[in-house]
């Protein structure tokens, strides 16, 4: 079965609204506030991806279950995005350090072997 790209815009606004159990006008408001950025296929039509749907569901959890207002949601989402970027940078740096350590260990092993000869 082919892998579905989570960032592929596939849902019209009505479908996205039903999936998230909100009114389409709510999605338009979220877009105006910059909380969500659906793909525009024309000046009027928006398409939402699975990643957008997950973000909308996250917004709904914050507002409905936790009582966070939309300004707070924006701050939380920005912080979460920053944390994800920092995590990716840390993973990249850890991989770089691991490669350097492996190279240094291999170099030292070669040195030791050459000294034994």
PDB file of N, CA and C in Angstrom:
ATOM      1  N   UNK A   1       0.836  -1.180   0.000  1.00  0.00           N
ATOM      2  CA  UNK A   1       0.000   0.000   0.000  1.00  0.00           C
ATOM      3  C   UNK A   1       0.880   1.243   0.000  1.00  0.00           C
ATOM      4  N   UNK A   2       0.582   2.236  -0.860  1.00  0.00           N
ATOM      5  CA  UNK A   2       1.431   3.429  -0.927  1.00  0.00           C
ATOM      6  C   UNK A   2       1.349   4.251   0.348  1.00  0.00           C
ATOM      7  N   UNK A   3       2.470   4.872   0.676  1.00  0.00           N
ATOM      8  CA  UNK A   3       2.547   5.722   1.863  1.00  0.00           C
ATOM      9  C   UNK A   3       1.908   7.071   1.545  1.00  0.00           C
ATOM     10  N   UNK A   4       1.059   7.556   2.432  1.00  0.00           N
ATOM     11  CA  UNK A   4       0.384   8.834   2.236  1.00  0.00           C
ATOM     12  C   UNK A   4       1.224   9.935   2.873  1.00  0.00           C
ATOM     13  N   UNK A   5       1.452  10.982   2.103  1.00  0.00           N
ATOM     14  CA  UNK A   5       2.209  12.131   2.587  1.00  0.00           C
ATOM     15  C   UNK A   5       1.304  12.980   3.473  1.00  0.00           C
ATOM     16  N   UNK A   6       1.693  13.162   4.739  1.00  0.00           N
ATOM     17  CA  UNK A   6       0.876  13.932   5.689  1.00  0.00           C
ATOM     18  C   UNK A   6       0.746  15.395   5.294  1.00  0.00           C
ATOM     19  N   UNK A   7       1.646  15.883   4.456  1.00  0.00           N
ATOM     20  CA  UNK A   7       1.620  17.285   4.066  1.00  0.00           C
ATOM     21  C   UNK A   7       0.900  17.522   2.733  1.00  0.00           C
ATOM     22  N   UNK A   8       0.412  16.459   2.123  1.00  0.00           N
ATOM     23  CA  UNK A   8      -0.308  16.582   0.853  1.00  0.00           C
ATOM     24  C   UNK A   8      -1.695  17.169   1.100  1.00  0.00           C
ATOM     25  N   UNK A   9      -2.004  18.332   0.527  1.00  0.00           N
ATOM     26  CA  UNK A   9      -3.319  18.936   0.743  1.00  0.00           C
ATOM     27  C   UNK A   9      -4.399  18.177  -0.035  1.00  0.00           C
ATOM     28  N   UNK A  10      -5.371  17.609   0.691  1.00  0.00           N
ATOM     29  CA  UNK A  10      -6.387  16.783   0.048  1.00  0.00           C
ATOM     30  C   UNK A  10      -7.814  17.092   0.484  1.00  0.00           C
ATOM     31  N   UNK A  11      -8.008  17.721   1.635  1.00  0.00           N
ATOM     32  CA  UNK A  11      -9.351  17.919   2.182  1.00  0.00           C
ATOM     33  C   UNK A  11      -9.869  19.323   1.901  1.00  0.00           C
ATOM     34  N   UNK A  12     -11.068  19.409   1.333  1.00  0.00           N
ATOM     35  CA  UNK A  12     -11.747  20.695   1.172  1.00  0.00           C
ATOM     36  C   UNK A  12     -12.164  21.178   2.563  1.00  0.00           C
ATOM     37  N   UNK A  13     -12.476  22.454   2.672  1.00  0.00           N
ATOM     38  CA  UNK A  13     -12.764  23.045   3.980  1.00  0.00           C
ATOM     39  C   UNK A  13     -13.932  22.359   4.683  1.00  0.00           C
ATOM     40  N   UNK A  14     -14.964  21.975   3.937  1.00  0.00           N
ATOM     41  CA  UNK A  14     -16.120  21.307   4.548  1.00  0.00           C
ATOM     42  C   UNK A  14     -15.752  19.972   5.161  1.00  0.00           C
ATOM     43  N   UNK A  15     -14.910  19.210   4.465  1.00  0.00           N
ATOM     44  CA  UNK A  15     -14.469  17.908   4.971  1.00  0.00           C
ATOM     45  C   UNK A  15     -13.572  18.107   6.192  1.00  0.00           C
ATOM     46  N   UNK A  16     -12.655  19.069   6.091  1.00  0.00           N
ATOM     47  CA  UNK A  16     -11.761  19.352   7.223  1.00  0.00           C
ATOM     48  C   UNK A  16     -12.566  19.759   8.450  1.00  0.00           C
ATOM     49  N   UNK A  17     -13.584  20.580   8.240  1.00  0.00           N
ATOM     50  CA  UNK A  17     -14.429  21.021   9.357  1.00  0.00           C
ATOM     51  C   UNK A  17     -15.138  19.837   9.994  1.00  0.00           C
ATOM     52  N   UNK A  18     -15.657  18.925   9.183  1.00  0.00           N
ATOM     53  CA  UNK A  18     -16.334  17.744   9.728  1.00  0.00           C
ATOM     54  C   UNK A  18     -15.360  16.845  10.477  1.00  0.00           C
ATOM     55  N   UNK A  19     -14.162  16.658   9.906  1.00  0.00           N
ATOM     56  CA  UNK A  19     -13.164  15.821  10.575  1.00  0.00           C
ATOM     57  C   UNK A  19     -12.777  16.369  11.944  1.00  0.00           C
ATOM     58  N   UNK A  20     -12.820  17.691  12.069  1.00  0.00           N
ATOM     59  CA  UNK A  20     -12.427  18.341  13.321  1.00  0.00           C
ATOM     60  C   UNK A  20     -13.631  18.752  14.168  1.00  0.00           C
ATOM     61  N   UNK A  21     -14.811  18.481  13.666  1.00  0.00           N
ATOM     62  CA  UNK A  21     -16.051  18.799  14.371  1.00  0.00           C
ATOM     63  C   UNK A  21     -16.141  20.288  14.717  1.00  0.00           C
ATOM     64  N   UNK A  22     -15.862  21.129  13.710  1.00  0.00           N
ATOM     65  CA  UNK A  22     -15.984  22.578  13.855  1.00  0.00           C
ATOM     66  C   UNK A  22     -16.706  23.133  12.636  1.00  0.00           C
ATOM     67  N   UNK A  23     -17.144  24.354  12.731  1.00  0.00           N
ATOM     68  CA  UNK A  23     -17.783  25.037  11.610  1.00  0.00           C
ATOM     69  C   UNK A  23     -16.690  25.528  10.655  1.00  0.00           C
ATOM     70  N   UNK A  24     -16.925  25.508   9.337  1.00  0.00           N
ATOM     71  CA  UNK A  24     -15.925  26.027   8.402  1.00  0.00           C
ATOM     72  C   UNK A  24     -15.478  27.456   8.721  1.00  0.00           C
ATOM     73  N   UNK A  25     -16.387  28.265   9.273  1.00  0.00           N
ATOM     74  CA  UNK A  25     -16.014  29.633   9.631  1.00  0.00           C
ATOM     75  C   UNK A  25     -14.925  29.644  10.707  1.00  0.00           C
ATOM     76  N   UNK A  26     -14.940  28.652  11.573  1.00  0.00           N
ATOM     77  CA  UNK A  26     -13.891  28.530  12.598  1.00  0.00           C
ATOM     78  C   UNK A  26     -12.536  28.303  11.933  1.00  0.00           C
ATOM     79  N   UNK A  27     -12.517  27.487  10.900  1.00  0.00           N
ATOM     80  CA  UNK A  27     -11.261  27.237  10.181  1.00  0.00           C
ATOM     81  C   UNK A  27     -10.772  28.513   9.498  1.00  0.00           C
ATOM     82  N   UNK A  28     -11.698  29.274   8.963  1.00  0.00           N
ATOM     83  CA  UNK A  28     -11.316  30.550   8.342  1.00  0.00           C
ATOM     84  C   UNK A  28     -10.728  31.507   9.384  1.00  0.00           C
ATOM     85  N   UNK A  29     -11.326  31.526  10.572  1.00  0.00           N
ATOM     86  CA  UNK A  29     -10.806  32.365  11.661  1.00  0.00           C
ATOM     87  C   UNK A  29      -9.400  31.921  12.040  1.00  0.00           C
ATOM     88  N   UNK A  30      -9.207  30.612  12.198  1.00  0.00           N
ATOM     89  CA  UNK A  30      -7.879  30.095  12.550  1.00  0.00           C
ATOM     90  C   UNK A  30      -6.848  30.490  11.494  1.00  0.00           C
ATOM     91  N   UNK A  31      -7.266  30.463  10.239  1.00  0.00           N
ATOM     92  CA  UNK A  31      -6.350  30.864   9.176  1.00  0.00           C
ATOM     93  C   UNK A  31      -6.024  32.355   9.275  1.00  0.00           C
ATOM     94  N   UNK A  32      -7.037  33.181   9.493  1.00  0.00           N
ATOM     95  CA  UNK A  32      -6.796  34.633   9.639  1.00  0.00           C
ATOM     96  C   UNK A  32      -5.841  34.925  10.790  1.00  0.00           C
ATOM     97  N   UNK A  33      -5.956  34.149  11.859  1.00  0.00           N
ATOM     98  CA  UNK A  33      -5.085  34.342  13.033  1.00  0.00           C
ATOM     99  C   UNK A  33      -3.697  33.736  12.839  1.00  0.00           C
ATOM    100  N   UNK A  34      -3.523  32.997  11.769  1.00  0.00           N
ATOM    101  CA  UNK A  34      -2.221  32.386  11.487  1.00  0.00           C
ATOM    102  C   UNK A  34      -1.989  31.074  12.221  1.00  0.00           C
ATOM    103  N   UNK A  35      -3.040  30.499  12.800  1.00  0.00           N
ATOM    104  CA  UNK A  35      -2.893  29.237  13.527  1.00  0.00           C
ATOM    105  C   UNK A  35      -2.789  28.047  12.576  1.00  0.00           C
ATOM    106  N   UNK A  36      -3.321  28.211  11.380  1.00  0.00           N
ATOM    107  CA  UNK A  36      -3.309  27.137  10.383  1.00  0.00           C
ATOM    108  C   UNK A  36      -3.054  27.782   9.018  1.00  0.00           C
ATOM    109  N   UNK A  37      -2.361  27.053   8.159  1.00  0.00           N
ATOM    110  CA  UNK A  37      -2.036  27.583   6.835  1.00  0.00           C
ATOM    111  C   UNK A  37      -2.392  26.566   5.759  1.00  0.00           C
ATOM    112  N   UNK A  38      -3.681  26.481   5.406  1.00  0.00           N
ATOM    113  CA  UNK A  38      -4.048  25.525   4.355  1.00  0.00           C
ATOM    114  C   UNK A  38      -3.494  25.976   2.999  1.00  0.00           C
ATOM    115  N   UNK A  39      -3.356  25.026   2.108  1.00  0.00           N
ATOM    116  CA  UNK A  39      -2.887  25.328   0.754  1.00  0.00           C
ATOM    117  C   UNK A  39      -4.028  25.980  -0.006  1.00  0.00           C
ATOM    118  N   UNK A  40      -3.728  27.034  -0.729  1.00  0.00           N
ATOM    119  CA  UNK A  40      -4.722  27.714  -1.566  1.00  0.00           C
ATOM    120  C   UNK A  40      -4.587  27.179  -2.989  1.00  0.00           C
ATOM    121  N   UNK A  41      -5.704  26.663  -3.539  1.00  0.00           N
ATOM    122  CA  UNK A  41      -5.690  26.188  -4.918  1.00  0.00           C
ATOM    123  C   UNK A  41      -6.267  27.242  -5.855  1.00  0.00           C
ATOM    124  N   UNK A  42      -6.942  28.196  -5.310  1.00  0.00           N
ATOM    125  CA  UNK A  42      -7.398  29.391  -6.024  1.00  0.00           C
ATOM    126  C   UNK A  42      -7.614  30.449  -4.951  1.00  0.00           C
ATOM    127  N   UNK A  43      -8.086  31.596  -5.343  1.00  0.00           N
ATOM    128  CA  UNK A  43      -8.261  32.650  -4.338  1.00  0.00           C
ATOM    129  C   UNK A  43      -9.322  32.286  -3.306  1.00  0.00           C
ATOM    130  N   UNK A  44     -10.224  31.362  -3.652  1.00  0.00           N
ATOM    131  CA  UNK A  44     -11.303  31.015  -2.728  1.00  0.00           C
ATOM    132  C   UNK A  44     -11.177  29.629  -2.105  1.00  0.00           C
ATOM    133  N   UNK A  45     -10.537  28.718  -2.790  1.00  0.00           N
ATOM    134  CA  UNK A  45     -10.521  27.327  -2.325  1.00  0.00           C
ATOM    135  C   UNK A  45      -9.285  26.999  -1.503  1.00  0.00           C
ATOM    136  N   UNK A  46      -9.527  26.332  -0.378  1.00  0.00           N
ATOM    137  CA  UNK A  46      -8.461  25.894   0.518  1.00  0.00           C
ATOM    138  C   UNK A  46      -8.442  24.378   0.523  1.00  0.00           C
ATOM    139  N   UNK A  47      -7.249  23.822   0.621  1.00  0.00           N
ATOM    140  CA  UNK A  47      -7.111  22.379   0.806  1.00  0.00           C
ATOM    141  C   UNK A  47      -6.271  22.138   2.056  1.00  0.00           C
ATOM    142  N   UNK A  48      -6.735  21.209   2.871  1.00  0.00           N
ATOM    143  CA  UNK A  48      -6.071  20.880   4.126  1.00  0.00           C
ATOM    144  C   UNK A  48      -5.405  19.513   4.019  1.00  0.00           C
ATOM    145  N   UNK A  49      -4.240  19.385   4.601  1.00  0.00           N
ATOM    146  CA  UNK A  49      -3.512  18.116   4.635  1.00  0.00           C
ATOM    147  C   UNK A  49      -3.834  17.370   5.930  1.00  0.00           C
ATOM    148  N   UNK A  50      -3.361  16.147   6.021  1.00  0.00           N
ATOM    149  CA  UNK A  50      -3.525  15.392   7.261  1.00  0.00           C
ATOM    150  C   UNK A  50      -2.791  16.089   8.405  1.00  0.00           C
ATOM    151  N   UNK A  51      -1.639  16.676   8.106  1.00  0.00           N
ATOM    152  CA  UNK A  51      -0.905  17.434   9.136  1.00  0.00           C
ATOM    153  C   UNK A  51      -1.731  18.625   9.618  1.00  0.00           C
ATOM    154  N   UNK A  52      -2.425  19.290   8.684  1.00  0.00           N
ATOM    155  CA  UNK A  52      -3.309  20.402   9.069  1.00  0.00           C
ATOM    156  C   UNK A  52      -4.434  19.907   9.978  1.00  0.00           C
ATOM    157  N   UNK A  53      -5.010  18.758   9.627  1.00  0.00           N
ATOM    158  CA  UNK A  53      -6.101  18.193  10.434  1.00  0.00           C
ATOM    159  C   UNK A  53      -5.600  17.893  11.844  1.00  0.00           C
ATOM    160  N   UNK A  54      -4.422  17.317  11.945  1.00  0.00           N
ATOM    161  CA  UNK A  54      -3.854  17.004  13.267  1.00  0.00           C
ATOM    162  C   UNK A  54      -3.603  18.287  14.059  1.00  0.00           C
ATOM    163  N   UNK A  55      -3.137  19.323  13.392  1.00  0.00           N
ATOM    164  CA  UNK A  55      -2.914  20.604  14.066  1.00  0.00           C
ATOM    165  C   UNK A  55      -4.250  21.186  14.531  1.00  0.00           C
ATOM    166  N   UNK A  56      -5.272  21.106  13.693  1.00  0.00           N
ATOM    167  CA  UNK A  56      -6.603  21.592  14.079  1.00  0.00           C
ATOM    168  C   UNK A  56      -7.137  20.821  15.282  1.00  0.00           C
ATOM    169  N   UNK A  57      -6.937  19.523  15.287  1.00  0.00           N
ATOM    170  CA  UNK A  57      -7.383  18.720  16.433  1.00  0.00           C
ATOM    171  C   UNK A  57      -6.621  19.108  17.694  1.00  0.00           C
ATOM    172  N   UNK A  58      -5.356  19.432  17.526  1.00  0.00           N
ATOM    173  CA  UNK A  58      -4.556  19.892  18.662  1.00  0.00           C
ATOM    174  C   UNK A  58      -5.096  21.236  19.179  1.00  0.00           C
ATOM    175  N   UNK A  59      -5.440  22.130  18.271  1.00  0.00           N
ATOM    176  CA  UNK A  59      -6.024  23.419  18.662  1.00  0.00           C
ATOM    177  C   UNK A  59      -7.321  23.184  19.416  1.00  0.00           C
ATOM    178  N   UNK A  60      -8.142  22.268  18.933  1.00  0.00           N
ATOM    179  CA  UNK A  60      -9.407  21.953  19.602  1.00  0.00           C
ATOM    180  C   UNK A  60      -9.161  21.419  21.018  1.00  0.00           C
ATOM    181  N   UNK A  61      -8.171  20.561  21.175  1.00  0.00           N
ATOM    182  CA  UNK A  61      -7.846  20.040  22.516  1.00  0.00           C
ATOM    183  C   UNK A  61      -7.450  21.178  23.454  1.00  0.00           C
ATOM    184  N   UNK A  62      -6.597  22.071  22.960  1.00  0.00           N
ATOM    185  CA  UNK A  62      -6.159  23.193  23.792  1.00  0.00           C
ATOM    186  C   UNK A  62      -7.338  24.069  24.204  1.00  0.00           C
ATOM    187  N   UNK A  63      -8.200  24.386  23.255  1.00  0.00           N
ATOM    188  CA  UNK A  63      -9.284  25.319  23.553  1.00  0.00           C
ATOM    189  C   UNK A  63     -10.419  24.661  24.327  1.00  0.00           C
ATOM    190  N   UNK A  64     -10.804  23.455  23.947  1.00  0.00           N
ATOM    191  CA  UNK A  64     -11.978  22.830  24.565  1.00  0.00           C
ATOM    192  C   UNK A  64     -11.652  22.066  25.834  1.00  0.00           C
ATOM    193  N   UNK A  65     -10.581  21.295  25.823  1.00  0.00           N
ATOM    194  CA  UNK A  65     -10.264  20.472  26.994  1.00  0.00           C
ATOM    195  C   UNK A  65      -9.468  21.232  28.049  1.00  0.00           C
ATOM    196  N   UNK A  66      -8.582  22.114  27.587  1.00  0.00           N
ATOM    197  CA  UNK A  66      -7.709  22.812  28.530  1.00  0.00           C
ATOM    198  C   UNK A  66      -8.122  24.251  28.788  1.00  0.00           C
ATOM    199  N   UNK A  67      -9.073  24.767  28.017  1.00  0.00           N
ATOM    200  CA  UNK A  67      -9.563  26.121  28.234  1.00  0.00           C
ATOM    201  C   UNK A  67      -8.602  27.222  27.834  1.00  0.00           C
ATOM    202  N   UNK A  68      -7.693  26.926  26.925  1.00  0.00           N
ATOM    203  CA  UNK A  68      -6.717  27.916  26.479  1.00  0.00           C
ATOM    204  C   UNK A  68      -7.376  28.818  25.434  1.00  0.00           C
ATOM    205  N   UNK A  69      -7.154  30.126  25.542  1.00  0.00           N
ATOM    206  CA  UNK A  69      -7.702  31.027  24.519  1.00  0.00           C
ATOM    207  C   UNK A  69      -6.810  30.979  23.279  1.00  0.00           C
ATOM    208  N   UNK A  70      -7.274  31.577  22.182  1.00  0.00           N
ATOM    209  CA  UNK A  70      -6.553  31.465  20.913  1.00  0.00           C
ATOM    210  C   UNK A  70      -5.187  32.141  20.943  1.00  0.00           C
ATOM    211  N   UNK A  71      -5.046  33.206  21.703  1.00  0.00           N
ATOM    212  CA  UNK A  71      -3.730  33.837  21.846  1.00  0.00           C
ATOM    213  C   UNK A  71      -2.765  32.872  22.539  1.00  0.00           C
ATOM    214  N   UNK A  72      -3.261  32.171  23.545  1.00  0.00           N
ATOM    215  CA  UNK A  72      -2.441  31.172  24.231  1.00  0.00           C
ATOM    216  C   UNK A  72      -2.108  30.003  23.326  1.00  0.00           C
ATOM    217  N   UNK A  73      -3.074  29.595  22.512  1.00  0.00           N
ATOM    218  CA  UNK A  73      -2.834  28.506  21.558  1.00  0.00           C
ATOM    219  C   UNK A  73      -1.705  28.881  20.612  1.00  0.00           C
ATOM    220  N   UNK A  74      -1.719  30.114  20.133  1.00  0.00           N
ATOM    221  CA  UNK A  74      -0.662  30.571  19.220  1.00  0.00           C
ATOM    222  C   UNK A  74       0.709  30.477  19.892  1.00  0.00           C
ATOM    223  N   UNK A  75       0.788  30.912  21.126  1.00  0.00           N
ATOM    224  CA  UNK A  75       2.059  30.855  21.863  1.00  0.00           C
ATOM    225  C   UNK A  75       2.499  29.401  22.047  1.00  0.00           C
ATOM    226  N   UNK A  76       1.576  28.547  22.440  1.00  0.00           N
ATOM    227  CA  UNK A  76       1.903  27.136  22.662  1.00  0.00           C
ATOM    228  C   UNK A  76       2.379  26.487  21.369  1.00  0.00           C
ATOM    229  N   UNK A  77       1.660  26.718  20.275  1.00  0.00           N
ATOM    230  CA  UNK A  77       2.041  26.117  18.999  1.00  0.00           C
ATOM    231  C   UNK A  77       3.412  26.607  18.542  1.00  0.00           C
ATOM    232  N   UNK A  78       3.672  27.897  18.716  1.00  0.00           N
ATOM    233  CA  UNK A  78       4.990  28.439  18.352  1.00  0.00           C
ATOM    234  C   UNK A  78       6.097  27.804  19.187  1.00  0.00           C
ATOM    235  N   UNK A  79       5.829  27.639  20.483  1.00  0.00           N
ATOM    236  CA  UNK A  79       6.827  27.002  21.349  1.00  0.00           C
ATOM    237  C   UNK A  79       7.046  25.536  20.966  1.00  0.00           C
ATOM    238  N   UNK A  80       5.970  24.832  20.650  1.00  0.00           N
ATOM    239  CA  UNK A  80       6.094  23.433  20.228  1.00  0.00           C
ATOM    240  C   UNK A  80       6.901  23.308  18.938  1.00  0.00           C
ATOM    241  N   UNK A  81       6.657  24.208  17.991  1.00  0.00           N
ATOM    242  CA  UNK A  81       7.421  24.196  16.747  1.00  0.00           C
ATOM    243  C   UNK A  81       8.898  24.470  17.014  1.00  0.00           C
ATOM    244  N   UNK A  82       9.156  25.416  17.895  1.00  0.00           N
ATOM    245  CA  UNK A  82      10.548  25.743  18.242  1.00  0.00           C
ATOM    246  C   UNK A  82      11.221  24.537  18.902  1.00  0.00           C
ATOM    247  N   UNK A  83      10.488  23.874  19.788  1.00  0.00           N
ATOM    248  CA  UNK A  83      11.041  22.683  20.446  1.00  0.00           C
ATOM    249  C   UNK A  83      11.348  21.583  19.431  1.00  0.00           C
ATOM    250  N   UNK A  84      10.466  21.403  18.456  1.00  0.00           N
ATOM    251  CA  UNK A  84      10.708  20.391  17.425  1.00  0.00           C
ATOM    252  C   UNK A  84      11.951  20.722  16.614  1.00  0.00           C
ATOM    253  N   UNK A  85      12.115  22.005  16.244  1.00  0.00           N
ATOM    254  CA  UNK A  85      13.314  22.415  15.504  1.00  0.00           C
ATOM    255  C   UNK A  85      14.567  22.181  16.338  1.00  0.00           C
ATOM    256  N   UNK A  86      14.502  22.548  17.618  1.00  0.00           N
ATOM    257  CA  UNK A  86      15.656  22.370  18.498  1.00  0.00           C
ATOM    258  C   UNK A  86      15.989  20.886  18.672  1.00  0.00           C
ATOM    259  N   UNK A  87      14.951  20.059  18.768  1.00  0.00           N
ATOM    260  CA  UNK A  87      15.156  18.618  18.903  1.00  0.00           C
ATOM    261  C   UNK A  87      15.839  18.071  17.646  1.00  0.00           C
ATOM    262  N   UNK A  88      15.380  18.508  16.479  1.00  0.00           N
ATOM    263  CA  UNK A  88      15.985  18.053  15.226  1.00  0.00           C
ATOM    264  C   UNK A  88      17.446  18.506  15.142  1.00  0.00           C
ATOM    265  N   UNK A  89      17.714  19.733  15.553  1.00  0.00           N
ATOM    266  CA  UNK A  89      19.093  20.237  15.553  1.00  0.00           C
ATOM    267  C   UNK A  89      19.960  19.434  16.510  1.00  0.00           C
ATOM    268  N   UNK A  90      19.416  19.118  17.683  1.00  0.00           N
ATOM    269  CA  UNK A  90      20.166  18.337  18.667  1.00  0.00           C
ATOM    270  C   UNK A  90      20.465  16.939  18.121  1.00  0.00           C
ATOM    271  N   UNK A  91      19.465  16.313  17.497  1.00  0.00           N
ATOM    272  CA  UNK A  91      19.676  14.986  16.910  1.00  0.00           C
ATOM    273  C   UNK A  91      20.766  15.047  15.844  1.00  0.00           C
ATOM    274  N   UNK A  92      20.718  16.072  15.014  1.00  0.00           N
ATOM    275  CA  UNK A  92      21.727  16.239  13.961  1.00  0.00           C
ATOM    276  C   UNK A  92      23.117  16.403  14.581  1.00  0.00           C
ATOM    277  N   UNK A  93      23.210  17.225  15.612  1.00  0.00           N
ATOM    278  CA  UNK A  93      24.499  17.455  16.272  1.00  0.00           C
ATOM    279  C   UNK A  93      25.002  16.181  16.950  1.00  0.00           C
ATOM    280  N   UNK A  94      24.104  15.444  17.587  1.00  0.00           N
ATOM    281  CA  UNK A  94      24.511  14.189  18.229  1.00  0.00           C
ATOM    282  C   UNK A  94      25.027  13.198  17.193  1.00  0.00           C
ATOM    283  N   UNK A  95      24.409  13.141  16.042  1.00  0.00           N
ATOM    284  CA  UNK A  95      24.863  12.246  14.970  1.00  0.00           C
ATOM    285  C   UNK A  95      26.242  12.672  14.473  1.00  0.00           C
ATOM    286  N   UNK A  96      26.464  13.984  14.347  1.00  0.00           N
ATOM    287  CA  UNK A  96      27.763  14.486  13.921  1.00  0.00           C
ATOM    288  C   UNK A  96      28.855  14.117  14.922  1.00  0.00           C
ATOM    289  N   UNK A  97      28.555  14.289  16.207  1.00  0.00           N
ATOM    290  CA  UNK A  97      29.526  13.959  17.252  1.00  0.00           C
ATOM    291  C   UNK A  97      29.799  12.450  17.267  1.00  0.00           C
ATOM    292  N   UNK A  98      28.755  11.640  17.093  1.00  0.00           N
ATOM    293  CA  UNK A  98      28.928  10.188  17.056  1.00  0.00           C
ATOM    294  C   UNK A  98      29.852   9.784  15.904  1.00  0.00           C
ATOM    295  N   UNK A  99      29.647  10.381  14.724  1.00  0.00           N
ATOM    296  CA  UNK A  99      30.507  10.074  13.569  1.00  0.00           C
ATOM    297  C   UNK A  99      31.942  10.481  13.847  1.00  0.00           C
ATOM    298  N   UNK A 100      32.131  11.653  14.437  1.00  0.00           N
ATOM    299  CA  UNK A 100      33.484  12.112  14.759  1.00  0.00           C
ATOM    300  C   UNK A 100      34.158  11.165  15.746  1.00  0.00           C
ATOM    301  N   UNK A 101      33.408  10.713  16.745  1.00  0.00           N
ATOM    302  CA  UNK A 101      33.977   9.798  17.733  1.00  0.00           C
ATOM    303  C   UNK A 101      34.353   8.468  17.081  1.00  0.00           C
ATOM    304  N   UNK A 102      33.501   7.962  16.213  1.00  0.00           N
ATOM    305  CA  UNK A 102      33.811   6.709  15.523  1.00  0.00           C
ATOM    306  C   UNK A 102      35.056   6.858  14.653  1.00  0.00           C
ATOM    307  N   UNK A 103      35.161   7.999  13.959  1.00  0.00           N
ATOM    308  CA  UNK A 103      36.341   8.245  13.129  1.00  0.00           C
ATOM    309  C   UNK A 103      37.606   8.333  13.983  1.00  0.00           C
ATOM    310  N   UNK A 104      37.506   9.012  15.127  1.00  0.00           N
ATOM    311  CA  UNK A 104      38.661   9.137  16.016  1.00  0.00           C
ATOM    312  C   UNK A 104      39.054   7.781  16.594  1.00  0.00           C
ATOM    313  N   UNK A 105      38.056   6.984  16.981  1.00  0.00           N
ATOM    314  CA  UNK A 105      38.357   5.650  17.502  1.00  0.00           C
ATOM    315  C   UNK A 105      39.023   4.796  16.428  1.00  0.00           C
ATOM    316  N   UNK A 106      38.530   4.857  15.218  1.00  0.00           N
ATOM    317  CA  UNK A 106      39.126   4.081  14.119  1.00  0.00           C
ATOM    318  C   UNK A 106      40.552   4.548  13.862  1.00  0.00           C
ATOM    319  N   UNK A 107      40.784   5.855  13.918  1.00  0.00           N
ATOM    320  CA  UNK A 107      42.134   6.396  13.719  1.00  0.00           C
ATOM    321  C   UNK A 107      43.078   5.881  14.802  1.00  0.00           C
ATOM    322  N   UNK A 108      42.621   5.876  16.050  1.00  0.00           N
ATOM    323  CA  UNK A 108      43.470   5.409  17.152  1.00  0.00           C
ATOM    324  C   UNK A 108      43.742   3.913  17.060  1.00  0.00           C
ATOM    325  N   UNK A 109      42.751   3.155  16.648  1.00  0.00           N
ATOM    326  CA  UNK A 109      42.956   1.711  16.468  1.00  0.00           C
ATOM    327  C   UNK A 109      44.008   1.487  15.390  1.00  0.00           C
ATOM    328  N   UNK A 110      43.950   2.239  14.297  1.00  0.00           N
ATOM    329  CA  UNK A 110      44.957   2.107  13.235  1.00  0.00           C
ATOM    330  C   UNK A 110      46.343   2.464  13.767  1.00  0.00           C
ATOM    331  N   UNK A 111      46.410   3.522  14.583  1.00  0.00           N
ATOM    332  CA  UNK A 111      47.696   3.923  15.177  1.00  0.00           C
ATOM    333  C   UNK A 111      48.268   2.809  16.032  1.00  0.00           C
ATOM    334  N   UNK A 112      47.442   2.247  16.896  1.00  0.00           N
ATOM    335  CA  UNK A 112      47.894   1.179  17.793  1.00  0.00           C
ATOM    336  C   UNK A 112      48.359  -0.025  16.993  1.00  0.00           C
ATOM    337  N   UNK A 113      47.612  -0.385  15.982  1.00  0.00           N
ATOM    338  CA  UNK A 113      48.001  -1.533  15.150  1.00  0.00           C
ATOM    339  C   UNK A 113      49.294  -1.281  14.412  1.00  0.00           C
ATOM    340  N   UNK A 114      49.491  -0.050  13.958  1.00  0.00           N
ATOM    341  CA  UNK A 114      50.740   0.256  13.220  1.00  0.00           C
ATOM    342  C   UNK A 114      51.924   0.270  14.180  1.00  0.00           C
ATOM    343  N   UNK A 115      51.731   0.631  15.445  1.00  0.00           N
ATOM    344  CA  UNK A 115      52.813   0.632  16.423  1.00  0.00           C
ATOM    345  C   UNK A 115      53.215  -0.790  16.794  1.00  0.00           C
ATOM    346  N   UNK A 116      52.302  -1.729  16.746  1.00  0.00           N
ATOM    347  CA  UNK A 116      52.589  -3.122  17.100  1.00  0.00           C
ATOM    348  C   UNK A 116      53.421  -3.820  16.048  1.00  0.00           C
ATOM    349  N   UNK A 117      53.406  -3.313  14.858  1.00  0.00           N
ATOM    350  CA  UNK A 117      54.141  -3.986  13.757  1.00  0.00           C
ATOM    351  C   UNK A 117      55.586  -3.747  13.781  1.00  0.00           C
TER     352      UNK A 117
END
